[in-house]
C-alpha atoms as a PDB file:
ATOM      1  CA  UNK A   1      40.970  -4.749  -2.337  1.00  0.00           C
ATOM      2  CA  UNK A   2      37.349  -3.792  -2.831  1.00  0.00           C
ATOM      3  CA  UNK A   3      36.020  -1.035  -5.035  1.00  0.00           C
ATOM      4  CA  UNK A   4      32.952   1.000  -4.122  1.00  0.00           C
ATOM      5  CA  UNK A   5      31.457   3.057  -6.905  1.00  0.00           C
ATOM      6  CA  UNK A   6      28.975   5.893  -6.647  1.00  0.00           C
ATOM      7  CA  UNK A   7      27.320   8.327  -8.997  1.00  0.00           C
ATOM      8  CA  UNK A   8      25.589   7.765 -12.283  1.00  0.00           C
ATOM      9  CA  UNK A   9      21.951   8.218 -13.125  1.00  0.00           C
ATOM     10  CA  UNK A  10      19.874   9.955 -15.750  1.00  0.00           C
ATOM     11  CA  UNK A  11      21.035  13.165 -17.411  1.00  0.00           C
ATOM     12  CA  UNK A  12      19.963  15.155 -20.442  1.00  0.00           C
ATOM     13  CA  UNK A  13      22.228  15.438 -23.478  1.00  0.00           C
ATOM     14  CA  UNK A  14      24.803  18.136 -22.922  1.00  0.00           C
ATOM     15  CA  UNK A  15      24.693  17.673 -19.175  1.00  0.00           C
ATOM     16  CA  UNK A  16      27.293  16.359 -16.799  1.00  0.00           C
ATOM     17  CA  UNK A  17      27.748  13.624 -14.213  1.00  0.00           C
ATOM     18  CA  UNK A  18      30.405  12.626 -11.743  1.00  0.00           C
ATOM     19  CA  UNK A  19      31.355   9.056 -10.992  1.00  0.00           C
ATOM     20  CA  UNK A  20      33.476   8.169  -7.986  1.00  0.00           C
ATOM     21  CA  UNK A  21      35.195   4.989  -6.948  1.00  0.00           C
ATOM     22  CA  UNK A  22      36.921   4.365  -3.652  1.00  0.00           C
ATOM     23  CA  UNK A  23      39.204   1.440  -2.948  1.00  0.00           C
ATOM     24  CA  UNK A  24      39.527  -0.194   0.430  1.00  0.00           C
ATOM     25  CA  UNK A  25      41.778  -2.878   1.775  1.00  0.00           C
ATOM     26  CA  UNK A  26      45.455  -3.201   0.866  1.00  0.00           C
ATOM     27  CA  UNK A  27      45.517  -0.104  -1.335  1.00  0.00           C
ATOM     28  CA  UNK A  28      49.311  -0.112  -1.513  1.00  0.00           C
ATOM     29  CA  UNK A  29      49.134  -2.848  -4.154  1.00  0.00           C
ATOM     30  CA  UNK A  30      47.098  -0.663  -6.530  1.00  0.00           C
ATOM     31  CA  UNK A  31      48.746   0.779  -9.625  1.00  0.00           C
ATOM     32  CA  UNK A  32      45.870   1.703 -11.925  1.00  0.00           C
ATOM     33  CA  UNK A  33      42.342   2.904 -11.182  1.00  0.00           C
ATOM     34  CA  UNK A  34      39.701   3.995 -13.580  1.00  0.00           C
ATOM     35  CA  UNK A  35      36.536   3.295 -15.484  1.00  0.00           C
ATOM     36  CA  UNK A  36      35.303   1.030 -18.244  1.00  0.00           C
ATOM     37  CA  UNK A  37      31.829   0.970 -19.730  1.00  0.00           C
ATOM     38  CA  UNK A  38      29.591  -1.414 -21.584  1.00  0.00           C
ATOM     39  CA  UNK A  39      26.630  -0.367 -23.670  1.00  0.00           C
ATOM     40  CA  UNK A  40      23.862  -2.819 -24.595  1.00  0.00           C
ATOM     41  CA  UNK A  41      25.004  -5.134 -27.351  1.00  0.00           C
ATOM     42  CA  UNK A  42      28.554  -3.825 -27.273  1.00  0.00           C
ATOM     43  CA  UNK A  43      31.831  -4.952 -25.784  1.00  0.00           C
ATOM     44  CA  UNK A  44      33.209  -3.404 -22.661  1.00  0.00           C
ATOM     45  CA  UNK A  45      35.551  -0.544 -23.435  1.00  0.00           C
ATOM     46  CA  UNK A  46      37.991   1.635 -21.575  1.00  0.00           C
ATOM     47  CA  UNK A  47      36.788   5.104 -20.663  1.00  0.00           C
ATOM     48  CA  UNK A  48      39.651   6.518 -18.633  1.00  0.00           C
ATOM     49  CA  UNK A  49      42.277   5.273 -16.205  1.00  0.00           C
ATOM     50  CA  UNK A  50      44.941   6.867 -14.032  1.00  0.00           C
ATOM     51  CA  UNK A  51      48.122   5.325 -12.690  1.00  0.00           C
ATOM     52  CA  UNK A  52      49.672   5.858  -9.298  1.00  0.00           C
ATOM     53  CA  UNK A  53      52.344   7.873 -11.040  1.00  0.00           C
ATOM     54  CA  UNK A  54      49.780  10.277 -12.463  1.00  0.00           C
ATOM     55  CA  UNK A  55      49.603   9.058 -16.043  1.00  0.00           C
ATOM     56  CA  UNK A  56      46.109   9.191 -17.508  1.00  0.00           C
ATOM     57  CA  UNK A  57      44.685   7.381 -20.514  1.00  0.00           C
ATOM     58  CA  UNK A  58      41.410   8.262 -22.203  1.00  0.00           C
ATOM     59  CA  UNK A  59      39.301   6.658 -24.858  1.00  0.00           C
ATOM     60  CA  UNK A  60      39.118   8.809 -27.976  1.00  0.00           C
ATOM     61  CA  UNK A  61      35.413   9.276 -27.300  1.00  0.00           C
ATOM     62  CA  UNK A  62      36.196  10.690 -23.861  1.00  0.00           C
ATOM     63  CA  UNK A  63      38.993  13.075 -24.762  1.00  0.00           C
ATOM     64  CA  UNK A  64      38.049  16.693 -24.281  1.00  0.00           C
ATOM     65  CA  UNK A  65      34.829  15.854 -22.460  1.00  0.00           C
ATOM     66  CA  UNK A  66      35.766  13.601 -19.560  1.00  0.00           C
ATOM     67  CA  UNK A  67      38.342  14.223 -16.855  1.00  0.00           C
ATOM     68  CA  UNK A  68      39.679  11.598 -14.506  1.00  0.00           C
ATOM     69  CA  UNK A  69      41.267  12.595 -11.241  1.00  0.00           C
ATOM     70  CA  UNK A  70      42.840  10.381  -8.662  1.00  0.00           C
ATOM     71  CA  UNK A  71      43.634  10.936  -5.021  1.00  0.00           C
ATOM     72  CA  UNK A  72      45.442   7.883  -3.717  1.00  0.00           C
ATOM     73  CA  UNK A  73      42.722   5.243  -3.439  1.00  0.00           C
ATOM     74  CA  UNK A  74      39.873   7.297  -4.861  1.00  0.00           C
ATOM     75  CA  UNK A  75      39.215   8.124  -8.464  1.00  0.00           C
ATOM     76  CA  UNK A  76      36.625  10.504  -9.858  1.00  0.00           C
ATOM     77  CA  UNK A  77      35.393  10.798 -13.421  1.00  0.00           C
ATOM     78  CA  UNK A  78      33.814  14.088 -14.431  1.00  0.00           C
ATOM     79  CA  UNK A  79      31.808  13.615 -17.598  1.00  0.00           C
ATOM     80  CA  UNK A  80      30.824  16.789 -19.423  1.00  0.00           C
ATOM     81  CA  UNK A  81      28.876  17.334 -22.627  1.00  0.00           C
ATOM     82  CA  UNK A  82      27.258  13.947 -22.317  1.00  0.00           C
ATOM     83  CA  UNK A  83      25.791  12.342 -25.405  1.00  0.00           C
ATOM     84  CA  UNK A  84      23.186   9.598 -25.810  1.00  0.00           C
ATOM     85  CA  UNK A  85      25.974   7.315 -26.994  1.00  0.00           C
ATOM     86  CA  UNK A  86      27.591   7.635 -23.570  1.00  0.00           C
ATOM     87  CA  UNK A  87      24.709   5.606 -22.160  1.00  0.00           C
ATOM     88  CA  UNK A  88      26.182   2.473 -20.621  1.00  0.00           C
ATOM     89  CA  UNK A  89      26.965   0.622 -17.441  1.00  0.00           C
ATOM     90  CA  UNK A  90      30.147   2.126 -16.062  1.00  0.00           C
ATOM     91  CA  UNK A  91      32.381  -0.101 -13.972  1.00  0.00           C
ATOM     92  CA  UNK A  92      35.195   0.902 -11.684  1.00  0.00           C
ATOM     93  CA  UNK A  93      38.429  -0.931 -12.379  1.00  0.00           C
ATOM     94  CA  UNK A  94      41.747  -1.401 -10.659  1.00  0.00           C
ATOM     95  CA  UNK A  95      44.936  -3.131 -11.646  1.00  0.00           C
ATOM     96  CA  UNK A  96      47.544  -4.066  -9.090  1.00  0.00           C
ATOM     97  CA  UNK A  97      51.292  -3.860  -9.451  1.00  0.00           C
ATOM     98  CA  UNK A  98      51.226  -7.644  -9.890  1.00  0.00           C
ATOM     99  CA  UNK A  99      48.988  -7.304 -12.948  1.00  0.00           C
ATOM    100  CA  UNK A 100      45.949  -8.740 -11.209  1.00  0.00           C
ATOM    101  CA  UNK A 101      42.697  -6.881 -11.695  1.00  0.00           C
ATOM    102  CA  UNK A 102      39.582  -6.196  -9.674  1.00  0.00           C
ATOM    103  CA  UNK A 103      36.234  -4.752 -10.669  1.00  0.00           C
ATOM    104  CA  UNK A 104      33.675  -2.815  -8.727  1.00  0.00           C
ATOM    105  CA  UNK A 105      29.953  -2.988  -9.269  1.00  0.00           C
ATOM    106  CA  UNK A 106      28.589  -1.239 -12.316  1.00  0.00           C
ATOM    107  CA  UNK A 107      26.588   1.946 -12.245  1.00  0.00           C
ATOM    108  CA  UNK A 108      24.115   2.927 -14.933  1.00  0.00           C
ATOM    109  CA  UNK A 109      24.563   6.159 -16.825  1.00  0.00           C
ATOM    110  CA  UNK A 110      21.676   7.117 -19.093  1.00  0.00           C
ATOM    111  CA  UNK A 111      21.833  10.160 -21.345  1.00  0.00           C
ATOM    112  CA  UNK A 112      18.401  10.961 -22.667  1.00  0.00           C
ATOM    113  CA  UNK A 113      15.994  13.814 -23.048  1.00  0.00           C
END
């Protein structure tokens, strides 16, 4: 399985961005898809993930502002009301039914005026 991420960029505070991630390969082995992020000097943290069964999990910082949606092997993260503290490298993530994990390339999100 390979993950191809798109989206990201520079946005002003209060703005919005969409991130997308598409999986290719043996997608039947995928259970979870979603996004993590890592800001400079900080540890990587979960942003939002969605299971094949439709369960979603959000970081507290993302609740009410971000929405994750999943369509089979594609996941989209709509980020509203962006704040400077949302600035980070966002990485697409997938976990297989076996528990194994795979990461896509990171995409920079910068929230600044």
